[in-house]
PDB file of N, CA and C in Angstrom:
ATOM      1  N   MET A   1       0.842  -1.156   0.000  1.00  0.00           N
ATOM      2  CA  MET A   1       0.000   0.000   0.000  1.00  0.00           C
ATOM      3  C   MET A   1       0.900   1.234   0.000  1.00  0.00           C
ATOM      4  N   VAL A   2       0.457   2.288  -0.694  1.00  0.00           N
ATOM      5  CA  VAL A   2       1.250   3.504  -0.810  1.00  0.00           C
ATOM      6  C   VAL A   2       0.379   4.703  -0.457  1.00  0.00           C
ATOM      7  N   SER A   3       0.953   5.671   0.268  1.00  0.00           N
ATOM      8  CA  SER A   3       0.288   6.918   0.627  1.00  0.00           C
ATOM      9  C   SER A   3       1.292   8.050   0.471  1.00  0.00           C
ATOM     10  N   ALA A   4       0.825   9.216  -0.013  1.00  0.00           N
ATOM     11  CA  ALA A   4       1.767  10.327  -0.194  1.00  0.00           C
ATOM     12  C   ALA A   4       1.322  11.617   0.460  1.00  0.00           C
ATOM     13  N   GLY A   5       0.117  11.687   0.989  1.00  0.00           N
ATOM     14  CA  GLY A   5      -0.347  12.963   1.490  1.00  0.00           C
ATOM     15  C   GLY A   5      -0.859  12.957   2.907  1.00  0.00           C
ATOM     16  N   ALA A   6      -0.576  11.908   3.684  1.00  0.00           N
ATOM     17  CA  ALA A   6      -1.118  11.822   5.039  1.00  0.00           C
ATOM     18  C   ALA A   6      -0.598  12.949   5.910  1.00  0.00           C
ATOM     19  N   VAL A   7      -1.520  13.706   6.502  1.00  0.00           N
ATOM     20  CA  VAL A   7      -1.145  14.810   7.391  1.00  0.00           C
ATOM     21  C   VAL A   7      -2.095  14.799   8.583  1.00  0.00           C
ATOM     22  N   ASP A   8      -1.529  14.784   9.767  1.00  0.00           N
ATOM     23  CA  ASP A   8      -2.320  14.907  10.989  1.00  0.00           C
ATOM     24  C   ASP A   8      -1.441  15.579  12.020  1.00  0.00           C
ATOM     25  N   GLU A   9      -1.625  16.882  12.180  1.00  0.00           N
ATOM     26  CA  GLU A   9      -0.768  17.644  13.086  1.00  0.00           C
ATOM     27  C   GLU A   9      -0.948  17.217  14.540  1.00  0.00           C
ATOM     28  N   GLU A  10      -2.165  16.826  14.917  1.00  0.00           N
ATOM     29  CA  GLU A  10      -2.400  16.399  16.292  1.00  0.00           C
ATOM     30  C   GLU A  10      -1.657  15.106  16.610  1.00  0.00           C
ATOM     31  N   GLU A  11      -1.582  14.196  15.642  1.00  0.00           N
ATOM     32  CA  GLU A  11      -0.892  12.921  15.840  1.00  0.00           C
ATOM     33  C   GLU A  11       0.562  13.000  15.401  1.00  0.00           C
ATOM     34  N   ASP A  12       1.014  14.164  14.958  1.00  0.00           N
ATOM     35  CA  ASP A  12       2.390  14.377  14.522  1.00  0.00           C
ATOM     36  C   ASP A  12       2.747  13.524  13.304  1.00  0.00           C
ATOM     37  N   ILE A  13       1.814  13.433  12.330  1.00  0.00           N
ATOM     38  CA  ILE A  13       2.040  12.698  11.095  1.00  0.00           C
ATOM     39  C   ILE A  13       2.340  13.696   9.987  1.00  0.00           C
ATOM     40  N   GLU A  14       3.545  13.636   9.454  1.00  0.00           N
ATOM     41  CA  GLU A  14       3.982  14.548   8.402  1.00  0.00           C
ATOM     42  C   GLU A  14       3.613  13.990   7.027  1.00  0.00           C
ATOM     43  N   PRO A  15       3.462  14.873   6.026  1.00  0.00           N
ATOM     44  CA  PRO A  15       3.213  14.383   4.670  1.00  0.00           C
ATOM     45  C   PRO A  15       4.470  13.754   4.075  1.00  0.00           C
ATOM     46  N   GLY A  16       4.274  12.869   3.132  1.00  0.00           N
ATOM     47  CA  GLY A  16       5.382  12.216   2.458  1.00  0.00           C
ATOM     48  C   GLY A  16       4.960  10.867   1.918  1.00  0.00           C
ATOM     49  N   LEU A  17       5.765  10.320   1.042  1.00  0.00           N
ATOM     50  CA  LEU A  17       5.452   9.035   0.423  1.00  0.00           C
ATOM     51  C   LEU A  17       5.770   7.905   1.388  1.00  0.00           C
ATOM     52  N   ARG A  18       4.734   7.157   1.752  1.00  0.00           N
ATOM     53  CA  ARG A  18       4.893   6.010   2.637  1.00  0.00           C
ATOM     54  C   ARG A  18       4.546   4.742   1.873  1.00  0.00           C
ATOM     55  N   VAL A  19       5.394   3.738   2.015  1.00  0.00           N
ATOM     56  CA  VAL A  19       5.129   2.427   1.441  1.00  0.00           C
ATOM     57  C   VAL A  19       4.945   1.468   2.605  1.00  0.00           C
ATOM     58  N   PHE A  20       3.838   0.735   2.581  1.00  0.00           N
ATOM     59  CA  PHE A  20       3.524  -0.206   3.647  1.00  0.00           C
ATOM     60  C   PHE A  20       3.507  -1.630   3.107  1.00  0.00           C
ATOM     61  N   ASP A  21       4.004  -2.564   3.894  1.00  0.00           N
ATOM     62  CA  ASP A  21       3.788  -3.983   3.649  1.00  0.00           C
ATOM     63  C   ASP A  21       2.541  -4.381   4.420  1.00  0.00           C
ATOM     64  N   ILE A  22       1.722  -5.243   3.830  1.00  0.00           N
ATOM     65  CA  ILE A  22       0.550  -5.763   4.526  1.00  0.00           C
ATOM     66  C   ILE A  22       0.938  -7.145   5.048  1.00  0.00           C
ATOM     67  N   VAL A  23       0.987  -7.265   6.374  1.00  0.00           N
ATOM     68  CA  VAL A  23       1.486  -8.476   7.016  1.00  0.00           C
ATOM     69  C   VAL A  23       0.364  -9.102   7.844  1.00  0.00           C
ATOM     70  N   THR A  24       0.151 -10.394   7.622  1.00  0.00           N
ATOM     71  CA  THR A  24      -0.846 -11.127   8.397  1.00  0.00           C
ATOM     72  C   THR A  24      -0.139 -12.209   9.213  1.00  0.00           C
ATOM     73  N   THR A  25      -0.300 -12.128  10.523  1.00  0.00           N
ATOM     74  CA  THR A  25       0.254 -13.155  11.407  1.00  0.00           C
ATOM     75  C   THR A  25      -0.815 -13.570  12.403  1.00  0.00           C
ATOM     76  N   GLU A  26      -1.012 -14.864  12.521  1.00  0.00           N
ATOM     77  CA  GLU A  26      -1.979 -15.435  13.458  1.00  0.00           C
ATOM     78  C   GLU A  26      -3.359 -14.787  13.332  1.00  0.00           C
ATOM     79  N   GLY A  27      -3.783 -14.546  12.095  1.00  0.00           N
ATOM     80  CA  GLY A  27      -5.107 -13.995  11.851  1.00  0.00           C
ATOM     81  C   GLY A  27      -5.229 -12.497  12.020  1.00  0.00           C
ATOM     82  N   VAL A  28      -4.147 -11.811  12.348  1.00  0.00           N
ATOM     83  CA  VAL A  28      -4.158 -10.363  12.535  1.00  0.00           C
ATOM     84  C   VAL A  28      -3.415  -9.714  11.363  1.00  0.00           C
ATOM     85  N   THR A  29      -4.072  -8.776  10.690  1.00  0.00           N
ATOM     86  CA  THR A  29      -3.461  -8.071   9.562  1.00  0.00           C
ATOM     87  C   THR A  29      -3.035  -6.686  10.005  1.00  0.00           C
ATOM     88  N   GLU A  30      -1.785  -6.329   9.668  1.00  0.00           N
ATOM     89  CA  GLU A  30      -1.238  -5.024  10.029  1.00  0.00           C
ATOM     90  C   GLU A  30      -0.587  -4.377   8.822  1.00  0.00           C
ATOM     91  N   PHE A  31      -0.573  -3.057   8.820  1.00  0.00           N
ATOM     92  CA  PHE A  31       0.177  -2.290   7.839  1.00  0.00           C
ATOM     93  C   PHE A  31       1.507  -1.924   8.488  1.00  0.00           C
ATOM     94  N   VAL A  32       2.599  -2.426   7.924  1.00  0.00           N
ATOM     95  CA  VAL A  32       3.927  -2.197   8.483  1.00  0.00           C
ATOM     96  C   VAL A  32       4.674  -1.243   7.564  1.00  0.00           C
ATOM     97  N   LEU A  33       5.122  -0.118   8.117  1.00  0.00           N
ATOM     98  CA  LEU A  33       5.825   0.884   7.324  1.00  0.00           C
ATOM     99  C   LEU A  33       7.133   0.309   6.793  1.00  0.00           C
ATOM    100  N   LYS A  34       7.267   0.317   5.456  1.00  0.00           N
ATOM    101  CA  LYS A  34       8.479  -0.197   4.812  1.00  0.00           C
ATOM    102  C   LYS A  34       9.454   0.935   4.521  1.00  0.00           C
ATOM    103  N   SER A  35       8.917   2.077   4.041  1.00  0.00           N
ATOM    104  CA  SER A  35       9.789   3.226   3.760  1.00  0.00           C
ATOM    105  C   SER A  35       8.981   4.515   3.840  1.00  0.00           C
ATOM    106  N   PHE A  36       9.699   5.615   4.055  1.00  0.00           N
ATOM    107  CA  PHE A  36       9.090   6.940   4.143  1.00  0.00           C
ATOM    108  C   PHE A  36      10.023   7.942   3.479  1.00  0.00           C
ATOM    109  N   ASP A  37       9.488   8.728   2.534  1.00  0.00           N
ATOM    110  CA  ASP A  37      10.265   9.766   1.854  1.00  0.00           C
ATOM    111  C   ASP A  37       9.511  11.085   1.985  1.00  0.00           C
ATOM    112  N   PRO A  38       9.935  11.974   2.891  1.00  0.00           N
ATOM    113  CA  PRO A  38       9.221  13.232   3.107  1.00  0.00           C
ATOM    114  C   PRO A  38       9.348  14.213   1.937  1.00  0.00           C
ATOM    115  N   THR A  39      10.238  13.949   0.990  1.00  0.00           N
ATOM    116  CA  THR A  39      10.410  14.863  -0.146  1.00  0.00           C
ATOM    117  C   THR A  39       9.362  14.643  -1.227  1.00  0.00           C
ATOM    118  N   ILE A  40       8.636  13.526  -1.189  1.00  0.00           N
ATOM    119  CA  ILE A  40       7.582  13.241  -2.178  1.00  0.00           C
ATOM    120  C   ILE A  40       6.245  13.409  -1.482  1.00  0.00           C
ATOM    121  N   GLN A  41       5.495  14.460  -1.867  1.00  0.00           N
ATOM    122  CA  GLN A  41       4.222  14.756  -1.215  1.00  0.00           C
ATOM    123  C   GLN A  41       3.177  15.092  -2.261  1.00  0.00           C
ATOM    124  N   GLY A  42       1.977  14.578  -2.064  1.00  0.00           N
ATOM    125  CA  GLY A  42       0.903  14.928  -2.970  1.00  0.00           C
ATOM    126  C   GLY A  42      -0.212  13.915  -2.977  1.00  0.00           C
ATOM    127  N   LEU A  43      -1.037  14.007  -4.004  1.00  0.00           N
ATOM    128  CA  LEU A  43      -2.194  13.148  -4.176  1.00  0.00           C
ATOM    129  C   LEU A  43      -1.863  12.120  -5.246  1.00  0.00           C
ATOM    130  N   LEU A  44      -1.859  10.844  -4.879  1.00  0.00           N
ATOM    131  CA  LEU A  44      -1.630   9.784  -5.853  1.00  0.00           C
ATOM    132  C   LEU A  44      -2.917   9.596  -6.650  1.00  0.00           C
ATOM    133  N   VAL A  45      -2.833   9.747  -7.979  1.00  0.00           N
ATOM    134  CA  VAL A  45      -4.048   9.711  -8.792  1.00  0.00           C
ATOM    135  C   VAL A  45      -4.146   8.501  -9.698  1.00  0.00           C
ATOM    136  N   ALA A  46      -3.052   7.785  -9.929  1.00  0.00           N
ATOM    137  CA  ALA A  46      -3.117   6.588 -10.768  1.00  0.00           C
ATOM    138  C   ALA A  46      -1.866   5.755 -10.556  1.00  0.00           C
ATOM    139  N   HIS A  47      -2.005   4.479 -10.846  1.00  0.00           N
ATOM    140  CA  HIS A  47      -0.855   3.581 -10.812  1.00  0.00           C
ATOM    141  C   HIS A  47      -0.907   2.686 -12.040  1.00  0.00           C
ATOM    142  N   GLY A  48       0.240   2.222 -12.450  1.00  0.00           N
ATOM    143  CA  GLY A  48       0.341   1.339 -13.602  1.00  0.00           C
ATOM    144  C   GLY A  48       1.804   1.166 -13.959  1.00  0.00           C
ATOM    145  N   ASP A  49       2.066   0.282 -14.877  1.00  0.00           N
ATOM    146  CA  ASP A  49       3.443   0.033 -15.318  1.00  0.00           C
ATOM    147  C   ASP A  49       3.757   0.976 -16.474  1.00  0.00           C
ATOM    148  N   PHE A  50       4.001   2.241 -16.160  1.00  0.00           N
ATOM    149  CA  PHE A  50       4.150   3.278 -17.181  1.00  0.00           C
ATOM    150  C   PHE A  50       5.457   3.185 -17.957  1.00  0.00           C
ATOM    151  N   ASP A  51       6.493   2.588 -17.378  1.00  0.00           N
ATOM    152  CA  ASP A  51       7.758   2.442 -18.100  1.00  0.00           C
ATOM    153  C   ASP A  51       7.955   1.017 -18.634  1.00  0.00           C
ATOM    154  N   LEU A  52       6.928   0.185 -18.497  1.00  0.00           N
ATOM    155  CA  LEU A  52       6.888  -1.176 -19.054  1.00  0.00           C
ATOM    156  C   LEU A  52       8.026  -2.073 -18.571  1.00  0.00           C
ATOM    157  N   ASP A  53       8.410  -1.920 -17.289  1.00  0.00           N
ATOM    158  CA  ASP A  53       9.459  -2.778 -16.740  1.00  0.00           C
ATOM    159  C   ASP A  53       8.905  -3.859 -15.812  1.00  0.00           C
ATOM    160  N   GLY A  54       7.577  -3.935 -15.698  1.00  0.00           N
ATOM    161  CA  GLY A  54       6.951  -4.950 -14.865  1.00  0.00           C
ATOM    162  C   GLY A  54       6.641  -4.506 -13.454  1.00  0.00           C
ATOM    163  N   ASP A  55       6.996  -3.264 -13.089  1.00  0.00           N
ATOM    164  CA  ASP A  55       6.753  -2.747 -11.735  1.00  0.00           C
ATOM    165  C   ASP A  55       5.670  -1.679 -11.768  1.00  0.00           C
ATOM    166  N   ASN A  56       4.920  -1.590 -10.697  1.00  0.00           N
ATOM    167  CA  ASN A  56       3.823  -0.642 -10.589  1.00  0.00           C
ATOM    168  C   ASN A  56       4.353   0.755 -10.267  1.00  0.00           C
ATOM    169  N   ASP A  57       4.205   1.701 -11.209  1.00  0.00           N
ATOM    170  CA  ASP A  57       4.644   3.082 -11.030  1.00  0.00           C
ATOM    171  C   ASP A  57       3.446   3.931 -10.607  1.00  0.00           C
ATOM    172  N   LEU A  58       3.694   5.213 -10.295  1.00  0.00           N
ATOM    173  CA  LEU A  58       2.642   6.089  -9.779  1.00  0.00           C
ATOM    174  C   LEU A  58       2.604   7.408 -10.527  1.00  0.00           C
ATOM    175  N   LEU A  59       1.407   7.981 -10.630  1.00  0.00           N
ATOM    176  CA  LEU A  59       1.236   9.370 -11.055  1.00  0.00           C
ATOM    177  C   LEU A  59       0.743  10.143  -9.848  1.00  0.00           C
ATOM    178  N   MET A  60       1.348  11.305  -9.596  1.00  0.00           N
ATOM    179  CA  MET A  60       1.036  12.083  -8.406  1.00  0.00           C
ATOM    180  C   MET A  60       0.892  13.557  -8.759  1.00  0.00           C
ATOM    181  N   VAL A  61      -0.084  14.196  -8.134  1.00  0.00           N
ATOM    182  CA  VAL A  61      -0.228  15.651  -8.224  1.00  0.00           C
ATOM    183  C   VAL A  61       0.394  16.220  -6.961  1.00  0.00           C
ATOM    184  N   SER A  62       1.331  17.151  -7.127  1.00  0.00           N
ATOM    185  CA  SER A  62       2.063  17.692  -5.984  1.00  0.00           C
ATOM    186  C   SER A  62       1.147  18.525  -5.086  1.00  0.00           C
ATOM    187  N   ARG A  63       1.600  18.754  -3.867  1.00  0.00           N
ATOM    188  CA  ARG A  63       0.794  19.494  -2.885  1.00  0.00           C
ATOM    189  C   ARG A  63       0.759  20.989  -3.158  1.00  0.00           C
ATOM    190  N   ASP A  64       1.851  21.540  -3.668  1.00  0.00           N
ATOM    191  CA  ASP A  64       1.954  22.989  -3.771  1.00  0.00           C
ATOM    192  C   ASP A  64       1.684  23.536  -5.169  1.00  0.00           C
ATOM    193  N   VAL A  65       2.121  22.819  -6.184  1.00  0.00           N
ATOM    194  CA  VAL A  65       1.942  23.253  -7.570  1.00  0.00           C
ATOM    195  C   VAL A  65       1.106  22.193  -8.260  1.00  0.00           C
ATOM    196  N   PHE A  66       0.015  22.593  -8.895  1.00  0.00           N
ATOM    197  CA  PHE A  66      -0.858  21.619  -9.522  1.00  0.00           C
ATOM    198  C   PHE A  66      -0.264  21.166 -10.845  1.00  0.00           C
ATOM    199  N   GLU A  67       0.609  20.161 -10.751  1.00  0.00           N
ATOM    200  CA  GLU A  67       1.223  19.533 -11.908  1.00  0.00           C
ATOM    201  C   GLU A  67       1.323  18.044 -11.601  1.00  0.00           C
ATOM    202  N   MET A  68       1.379  17.225 -12.647  1.00  0.00           N
ATOM    203  CA  MET A  68       1.427  15.787 -12.434  1.00  0.00           C
ATOM    204  C   MET A  68       2.838  15.270 -12.676  1.00  0.00           C
ATOM    205  N   THR A  69       3.306  14.448 -11.749  1.00  0.00           N
ATOM    206  CA  THR A  69       4.649  13.890 -11.784  1.00  0.00           C
ATOM    207  C   THR A  69       4.566  12.370 -11.889  1.00  0.00           C
ATOM    208  N   LEU A  70       5.514  11.783 -12.631  1.00  0.00           N
ATOM    209  CA  LEU A  70       5.618  10.342 -12.737  1.00  0.00           C
ATOM    210  C   LEU A  70       6.647   9.849 -11.725  1.00  0.00           C
ATOM    211  N   LEU A  71       6.245   8.898 -10.884  1.00  0.00           N
ATOM    212  CA  LEU A  71       7.150   8.289  -9.910  1.00  0.00           C
ATOM    213  C   LEU A  71       7.432   6.863 -10.365  1.00  0.00           C
ATOM    214  N   LEU A  72       8.703   6.566 -10.627  1.00  0.00           N
ATOM    215  CA  LEU A  72       9.091   5.247 -11.114  1.00  0.00           C
ATOM    216  C   LEU A  72       9.502   4.340  -9.961  1.00  0.00           C
ATOM    217  N   ASN A  73       9.040   3.103 -10.023  1.00  0.00           N
ATOM    218  CA  ASN A  73       9.323   2.085  -9.029  1.00  0.00           C
ATOM    219  C   ASN A  73      10.547   1.292  -9.479  1.00  0.00           C
ATOM    220  N   ASP A  74      11.498   1.096  -8.581  1.00  0.00           N
ATOM    221  CA  ASP A  74      12.714   0.348  -8.931  1.00  0.00           C
ATOM    222  C   ASP A  74      12.539  -1.162  -8.826  1.00  0.00           C
ATOM    223  N   GLY A  75      11.349  -1.619  -8.494  1.00  0.00           N
ATOM    224  CA  GLY A  75      11.087  -3.045  -8.355  1.00  0.00           C
ATOM    225  C   GLY A  75      11.027  -3.492  -6.910  1.00  0.00           C
ATOM    226  N   ASP A  76      11.467  -2.617  -5.996  1.00  0.00           N
ATOM    227  CA  ASP A  76      11.425  -2.928  -4.572  1.00  0.00           C
ATOM    228  C   ASP A  76      10.640  -1.863  -3.816  1.00  0.00           C
ATOM    229  N   ALA A  77       9.707  -1.207  -4.525  1.00  0.00           N
ATOM    230  CA  ALA A  77       8.848  -0.163  -3.953  1.00  0.00           C
ATOM    231  C   ALA A  77       9.621   1.063  -3.492  1.00  0.00           C
ATOM    232  N   ASN A  78      10.745   1.342  -4.135  1.00  0.00           N
ATOM    233  CA  ASN A  78      11.459   2.605  -3.945  1.00  0.00           C
ATOM    234  C   ASN A  78      11.132   3.463  -5.157  1.00  0.00           C
ATOM    235  N   PHE A  79      10.582   4.647  -4.913  1.00  0.00           N
ATOM    236  CA  PHE A  79      10.102   5.489  -5.994  1.00  0.00           C
ATOM    237  C   PHE A  79      10.993   6.719  -6.176  1.00  0.00           C
ATOM    238  N   THR A  80      11.264   7.053  -7.429  1.00  0.00           N
ATOM    239  CA  THR A  80      12.004   8.263  -7.759  1.00  0.00           C
ATOM    240  C   THR A  80      11.217   9.019  -8.813  1.00  0.00           C
ATOM    241  N   SER A  81      11.329  10.328  -8.771  1.00  0.00           N
ATOM    242  CA  SER A  81      10.603  11.165  -9.717  1.00  0.00           C
ATOM    243  C   SER A  81      11.263  11.123 -11.087  1.00  0.00           C
ATOM    244  N   ALA A  82      10.446  10.884 -12.103  1.00  0.00           N
ATOM    245  CA  ALA A  82      10.914  10.935 -13.490  1.00  0.00           C
ATOM    246  C   ALA A  82      10.572  12.289 -14.093  1.00  0.00           C
ATOM    247  N   GLY A  83      10.053  13.194 -13.263  1.00  0.00           N
ATOM    248  CA  GLY A  83       9.750  14.542 -13.727  1.00  0.00           C
ATOM    249  C   GLY A  83       8.275  14.774 -13.985  1.00  0.00           C
ATOM    250  N   VAL A  84       7.978  15.987 -14.358  1.00  0.00           N
ATOM    251  CA  VAL A  84       6.608  16.419 -14.608  1.00  0.00           C
ATOM    252  C   VAL A  84       6.152  15.875 -15.952  1.00  0.00           C
ATOM    253  N   VAL A  85       5.001  15.211 -15.959  1.00  0.00           N
ATOM    254  CA  VAL A  85       4.447  14.680 -17.207  1.00  0.00           C
ATOM    255  C   VAL A  85       3.253  15.488 -17.690  1.00  0.00           C
ATOM    256  N   ILE A  86       2.608  16.239 -16.796  1.00  0.00           N
ATOM    257  CA  ILE A  86       1.555  17.190 -17.168  1.00  0.00           C
ATOM    258  C   ILE A  86       1.903  18.493 -16.474  1.00  0.00           C
ATOM    259  N   PRO A  87       2.154  19.563 -17.257  1.00  0.00           N
ATOM    260  CA  PRO A  87       2.569  20.835 -16.657  1.00  0.00           C
ATOM    261  C   PRO A  87       1.483  21.421 -15.753  1.00  0.00           C
ATOM    262  N   PRO A  88       1.810  22.475 -15.012  1.00  0.00           N
ATOM    263  CA  PRO A  88       0.821  23.077 -14.101  1.00  0.00           C
ATOM    264  C   PRO A  88      -0.506  23.333 -14.801  1.00  0.00           C
ATOM    265  N   PHE A  89      -1.587  23.093 -14.066  1.00  0.00           N
ATOM    266  CA  PHE A  89      -2.930  23.222 -14.625  1.00  0.00           C
ATOM    267  C   PHE A  89      -3.825  23.905 -13.604  1.00  0.00           C
ATOM    268  N   ASP A  90      -4.927  24.447 -14.101  1.00  0.00           N
ATOM    269  CA  ASP A  90      -5.914  25.069 -13.231  1.00  0.00           C
ATOM    270  C   ASP A  90      -6.859  24.003 -12.702  1.00  0.00           C
ATOM    271  N   THR A  91      -7.227  24.128 -11.437  1.00  0.00           N
ATOM    272  CA  THR A  91      -8.201  23.211 -10.860  1.00  0.00           C
ATOM    273  C   THR A  91      -9.544  23.923 -10.804  1.00  0.00           C
ATOM    274  N   SER A  92     -10.565  23.182 -10.483  1.00  0.00           N
ATOM    275  CA  SER A  92     -11.894  23.764 -10.337  1.00  0.00           C
ATOM    276  C   SER A  92     -12.476  23.293  -9.022  1.00  0.00           C
ATOM    277  N   GLU A  93     -13.665  23.756  -8.716  1.00  0.00           N
ATOM    278  CA  GLU A  93     -14.297  23.315  -7.482  1.00  0.00           C
ATOM    279  C   GLU A  93     -14.683  21.841  -7.552  1.00  0.00           C
ATOM    280  N   PHE A  94     -14.689  21.264  -8.755  1.00  0.00           N
ATOM    281  CA  PHE A  94     -15.099  19.868  -8.919  1.00  0.00           C
ATOM    282  C   PHE A  94     -13.925  18.907  -9.049  1.00  0.00           C
ATOM    283  N   SER A  95     -12.736  19.409  -9.323  1.00  0.00           N
ATOM    284  CA  SER A  95     -11.625  18.504  -9.595  1.00  0.00           C
ATOM    285  C   SER A  95     -10.320  19.077  -9.083  1.00  0.00           C
ATOM    286  N   PHE A  96      -9.624  18.281  -8.254  1.00  0.00           N
ATOM    287  CA  PHE A  96      -8.314  18.668  -7.753  1.00  0.00           C
ATOM    288  C   PHE A  96      -7.222  18.289  -8.745  1.00  0.00           C
ATOM    289  N   ALA A  97      -7.504  17.272  -9.576  1.00  0.00           N
ATOM    290  CA  ALA A  97      -6.497  16.761 -10.509  1.00  0.00           C
ATOM    291  C   ALA A  97      -7.166  16.240 -11.767  1.00  0.00           C
ATOM    292  N   PRO A  98      -6.414  16.156 -12.862  1.00  0.00           N
ATOM    293  CA  PRO A  98      -6.983  15.544 -14.070  1.00  0.00           C
ATOM    294  C   PRO A  98      -7.391  14.108 -13.792  1.00  0.00           C
ATOM    295  N   ILE A  99      -8.429  13.648 -14.464  1.00  0.00           N
ATOM    296  CA  ILE A  99      -8.847  12.263 -14.321  1.00  0.00           C
ATOM    297  C   ILE A  99      -7.905  11.401 -15.153  1.00  0.00           C
ATOM    298  N   VAL A 100      -7.364  10.383 -14.543  1.00  0.00           N
ATOM    299  CA  VAL A 100      -6.418   9.492 -15.211  1.00  0.00           C
ATOM    300  C   VAL A 100      -6.979   8.086 -15.174  1.00  0.00           C
ATOM    301  N   SER A 101      -6.976   7.439 -16.322  1.00  0.00           N
ATOM    302  CA  SER A 101      -7.389   6.041 -16.401  1.00  0.00           C
ATOM    303  C   SER A 101      -6.245   5.241 -16.992  1.00  0.00           C
ATOM    304  N   VAL A 102      -6.107   4.030 -16.539  1.00  0.00           N
ATOM    305  CA  VAL A 102      -5.080   3.138 -17.063  1.00  0.00           C
ATOM    306  C   VAL A 102      -5.795   1.993 -17.763  1.00  0.00           C
ATOM    307  N   ALA A 103      -5.394   1.731 -19.003  1.00  0.00           N
ATOM    308  CA  ALA A 103      -6.024   0.651 -19.757  1.00  0.00           C
ATOM    309  C   ALA A 103      -4.968  -0.017 -20.620  1.00  0.00           C
ATOM    310  N   HIS A 104      -5.272  -1.215 -21.031  1.00  0.00           N
ATOM    311  CA  HIS A 104      -4.405  -1.957 -21.912  1.00  0.00           C
ATOM    312  C   HIS A 104      -5.159  -2.203 -23.219  1.00  0.00           C
ATOM    313  N   ILE A 105      -4.530  -1.896 -24.345  1.00  0.00           N
ATOM    314  CA  ILE A 105      -5.140  -2.125 -25.652  1.00  0.00           C
ATOM    315  C   ILE A 105      -4.520  -3.380 -26.233  1.00  0.00           C
ATOM    316  N   ASP A 106      -5.336  -4.439 -26.325  1.00  0.00           N
ATOM    317  CA  ASP A 106      -4.832  -5.721 -26.819  1.00  0.00           C
ATOM    318  C   ASP A 106      -5.084  -5.921 -28.301  1.00  0.00           C
ATOM    319  N   ASP A 107      -5.995  -5.147 -28.879  1.00  0.00           N
ATOM    320  CA  ASP A 107      -6.360  -5.317 -30.279  1.00  0.00           C
ATOM    321  C   ASP A 107      -5.396  -4.537 -31.162  1.00  0.00           C
ATOM    322  N   ALA A 108      -4.597  -5.247 -31.960  1.00  0.00           N
ATOM    323  CA  ALA A 108      -3.600  -4.599 -32.822  1.00  0.00           C
ATOM    324  C   ALA A 108      -4.239  -3.648 -33.828  1.00  0.00           C
ATOM    325  N   ALA A 109      -5.483  -3.923 -34.223  1.00  0.00           N
ATOM    326  CA  ALA A 109      -6.161  -3.050 -35.178  1.00  0.00           C
ATOM    327  C   ALA A 109      -6.437  -1.677 -34.569  1.00  0.00           C
ATOM    328  N   LEU A 110      -6.703  -1.634 -33.260  1.00  0.00           N
ATOM    329  CA  LEU A 110      -6.942  -0.363 -32.595  1.00  0.00           C
ATOM    330  C   LEU A 110      -5.670   0.469 -32.481  1.00  0.00           C
ATOM    331  N   VAL A 111      -4.549  -0.191 -32.346  1.00  0.00           N
ATOM    332  CA  VAL A 111      -3.280   0.502 -32.216  1.00  0.00           C
ATOM    333  C   VAL A 111      -2.801   1.050 -33.547  1.00  0.00           C
ATOM    334  N   ALA A 112      -3.052   0.324 -34.613  1.00  0.00           N
ATOM    335  CA  ALA A 112      -2.600   0.712 -35.953  1.00  0.00           C
ATOM    336  C   ALA A 112      -3.348   1.871 -36.456  1.00  0.00           C
TER     337      ALA A 112
END
């Protein structure tokens, strides 16, 4: 599980990219923090294998500037920014970020 925008000042939870392992022992399931990167903050809006290496990557809208960034997974759930893929954009009262869908096109005729 991945989270990038958790903030709770009362509980002293800072924003940043958190990766959790889901661990079940003796019938009890827990989220165990695997890594935390306070330099990556924002709203995760989509996931998929965007660089086609077999690992699940992320698209994120930053907290301060409304732009979309691609976060690449190294295969061990360590994410690095590949840069801005959608430049700054205006938001509205109905949408904080562009709607992103991930799909696979299997029909060669559609691709051609």
